[in-house]
Each structure stands twice: as structure tokens, then as C-alpha cells.
Protein backbone atom coordinates (compact mmCIF):
# COMPACT_ATOMS: atom_id res chain seq x y z
CA MET A 1 -0.04 44.88 -9.96
CA TYR A 2 0.26 41.46 -11.58
CA SER A 3 -0.84 42.82 -14.94
CA TYR A 4 1.77 45.58 -14.87
CA LEU A 5 4.65 43.47 -13.55
CA SER A 6 4.03 40.60 -15.96
CA ARG A 7 4.38 43.05 -18.86
CA ALA A 8 7.10 45.24 -17.33
CA GLN A 9 9.51 42.37 -16.64
CA GLU A 10 10.39 42.56 -20.35
CA TYR A 11 12.06 45.94 -19.68
CA TYR A 12 13.87 44.89 -16.49
CA ASP A 13 17.64 44.72 -16.89
CA GLU A 14 19.44 43.60 -13.74
CA GLY A 15 22.71 45.04 -15.07
CA ASP A 16 21.31 48.52 -15.76
CA THR A 17 20.07 49.98 -12.49
CA LYS A 18 19.57 53.43 -14.05
CA ALA A 19 17.24 52.30 -16.84
CA CYS A 20 13.67 53.59 -16.50
CA GLY A 21 12.20 50.12 -17.13
CA THR A 22 14.36 48.60 -14.39
CA ILE A 23 13.54 51.34 -11.88
CA SER A 24 9.81 51.13 -12.58
CA TYR A 25 9.79 47.34 -12.34
CA LEU A 26 11.63 47.42 -9.01
CA LEU A 27 9.38 50.18 -7.62
CA TRP A 28 6.37 47.94 -8.26
CA GLY A 29 8.02 45.10 -6.34
CA GLY A 30 10.09 43.37 -9.01
CA LYS A 31 10.22 39.57 -9.07
CA ALA A 32 8.97 39.28 -5.49
CA GLY A 33 5.99 41.52 -6.26
CA LEU A 34 5.19 39.47 -9.34
CA ARG A 35 5.33 36.19 -7.39
CA TRP A 36 3.19 37.61 -4.59
CA SER A 37 0.54 39.09 -6.87
CA GLU A 38 0.41 35.90 -8.94
CA SER A 39 -0.05 33.78 -5.81
CA LYS A 40 -2.89 36.02 -4.60
CA LEU A 41 -4.67 35.77 -7.96
CA LYS A 42 -4.27 31.97 -7.89
CA GLU A 43 -5.74 31.86 -4.38
CA LEU A 44 -8.73 33.88 -5.56
CA GLY A 45 -9.17 31.68 -8.63
CA GLU A 46 -8.62 34.62 -10.98
CA ILE A 47 -5.81 32.96 -12.94
CA ASN A 48 -5.16 29.33 -13.75
CA LEU A 49 -2.33 27.36 -12.28
CA ALA A 50 0.77 27.14 -14.45
CA SER A 51 1.08 24.30 -16.95
CA MET A 52 3.85 23.86 -19.49
CA VAL A 53 6.20 21.30 -20.95
CA VAL A 54 9.70 22.11 -19.67
CA ASP A 55 11.50 19.59 -21.86
CA GLY A 56 11.03 16.01 -23.01
CA THR A 57 11.39 14.64 -19.48
CA PHE A 58 9.55 17.19 -17.30
CA ALA A 59 6.33 19.15 -17.40
CA ILE A 60 4.56 21.41 -14.94
CA ILE A 61 0.84 20.70 -14.82
CA ASP A 62 -1.30 22.79 -12.46
CA ASP A 63 1.87 23.99 -10.68
CA ARG A 64 3.06 20.40 -10.04
CA LEU A 65 5.97 18.49 -11.54
CA ALA A 66 5.15 15.65 -13.91
CA TYR A 67 7.55 13.18 -15.49
CA SER A 68 7.73 11.48 -18.87
CA THR A 69 8.13 8.00 -17.33
CA GLN A 70 6.19 6.01 -14.79
CA GLU A 71 9.48 4.86 -13.22
CA LYS A 72 10.58 8.44 -12.48
CA ALA A 73 7.20 9.29 -10.95
CA GLU A 74 7.37 6.19 -8.72
CA GLU A 75 10.94 7.07 -7.70
CA MET A 76 9.84 10.58 -6.76
CA ALA A 77 6.84 9.16 -4.87
CA GLN A 78 9.23 7.21 -2.66
CA ASN A 79 11.34 10.34 -2.13
CA ILE A 80 8.35 12.32 -0.86
CA GLY A 81 6.82 9.53 1.20
CA CYS A 82 3.88 8.25 -0.82
CA GLU A 83 3.26 5.34 -3.17
CA GLY A 84 2.20 4.88 -6.75
CA PHE A 85 1.58 7.40 -9.49
CA HIS A 86 -1.23 8.93 -11.50
CA VAL A 87 -1.41 10.04 -15.13
CA HIS A 88 -2.30 13.36 -16.75
CA GLU A 89 -2.87 13.96 -20.46
CA PHE A 90 -1.24 17.26 -21.46
CA GLU A 91 -0.40 18.56 -24.94
CA GLY A 92 -1.01 15.18 -26.55
CA LYS A 93 1.24 13.21 -24.21
CA GLU A 94 0.81 11.20 -21.02
CA TRP A 95 2.68 12.63 -18.03
CA TYR A 96 3.20 10.77 -14.77
CA MET A 97 2.95 12.35 -11.34
CA PRO A 98 4.07 10.80 -8.08
CA CYS A 99 1.50 9.48 -5.58
CA GLU A 100 -1.85 7.94 -6.38
CA GLU A 101 -3.59 11.31 -6.02
CA HIS A 102 -2.74 14.99 -5.65
CA THR A 103 -3.73 15.17 -2.01
CA GLN A 104 -0.75 12.98 -1.15
CA MET A 105 1.69 15.17 -3.06
CA LYS A 106 3.84 17.81 -1.51
CA LYS A 107 4.74 21.01 -3.29
CA PRO A 108 8.12 21.00 -5.06
CA CYS A 109 9.61 23.40 -2.49
CA GLN A 110 9.97 23.14 1.28
CA ALA A 111 7.94 25.27 3.69
CA GLY A 112 8.71 28.98 3.41
CA TYR A 113 9.75 28.66 -0.24
CA GLU A 114 7.85 28.78 -3.51
CA GLN A 115 8.72 27.70 -7.01
CA TYR A 116 9.77 30.42 -9.42
CA GLY A 117 10.51 28.65 -12.68
CA MET A 118 13.21 26.05 -13.17
CA LYS A 119 17.00 26.05 -12.88
CA ILE A 120 19.87 23.75 -13.84
CA LYS A 121 21.42 21.88 -10.90
CA ASN A 122 24.03 19.17 -11.43
CA GLY A 123 23.15 19.16 -15.13
CA LYS A 124 19.40 18.61 -14.55
CA LYS A 125 16.41 20.95 -14.63
CA VAL A 126 14.90 21.25 -11.16
CA PRO A 127 12.41 23.61 -9.51
CA ASN A 128 13.90 26.98 -8.59
CA CYS A 129 12.75 27.48 -4.99
CA VAL A 130 12.92 31.02 -3.62
CA PRO A 131 12.02 32.32 -0.15
CA ILE A 132 8.50 33.61 0.25
CA LYS A 133 8.70 37.22 1.35
CA ASN A 134 5.79 38.54 3.35
């Protein structure tokens, strides 16, 4: 399911509900099916957690937000109720994550929601949190 949907999303066109690629993608579960199948594969350890540089100020490392500055990581640590920061080396750069260790960190979305990429909110890139559909 994940394999098909990850390839088929290329042919999905939200504005063309009669296109074969759109119909097929939606019949397989669409974006929700892709998120669900990806989360199941992550749980089973079959695929790695997502890591990528979003822009010069944010990165996602192992499905967690990282920041380009220690100050931003410490600010976010206060926002989520922990202290300190820790550092990750990713793509030749040091990235700072809030809290002294991962076990203190919360996920970027509240309970019942999961991150599906990033979005622009008030001129900044932030996690795009969508409801988890069971």
C-alpha cells in the first residue's frame, strides 16, 4: 500500500476528480492511506524516520524538529516544558533540538494529530498537523 501510494501521489490531481490517477490514488486511501501505511512501516522498523533540511533555519531529523540556533532550541524547550538542548550533526551542519534528550521531547503535534510535512503560518514554516484517522 505504501509503495503504491508513494508512487501514485505523483498522478493525483485534486482539481481533476475524473482523472484515472486521481481516482486510483483515492481508492487506495489517498493522503490518509499514505500516512497510515507509512506510520505502520515506521512502527515495524521497515522504513527509517524522516530526515531532511527544510530551510536554513529548520530541519527534521528522525521525525523531530531541529533548529539552526541553540537559542531557538532553548526557547522551544521552554515552550514544551523541558530544559536545555542537544545537538545533532546532519548534512554537514550542527542542528539543535530542544530538551537535553529525546525522551523529554514531545512530538510536534498534539494528541490525535500527526505531522504531514510543513506549512506556512504567519510567514513561518511550521509542522502541518493533521488528524489521525483510524
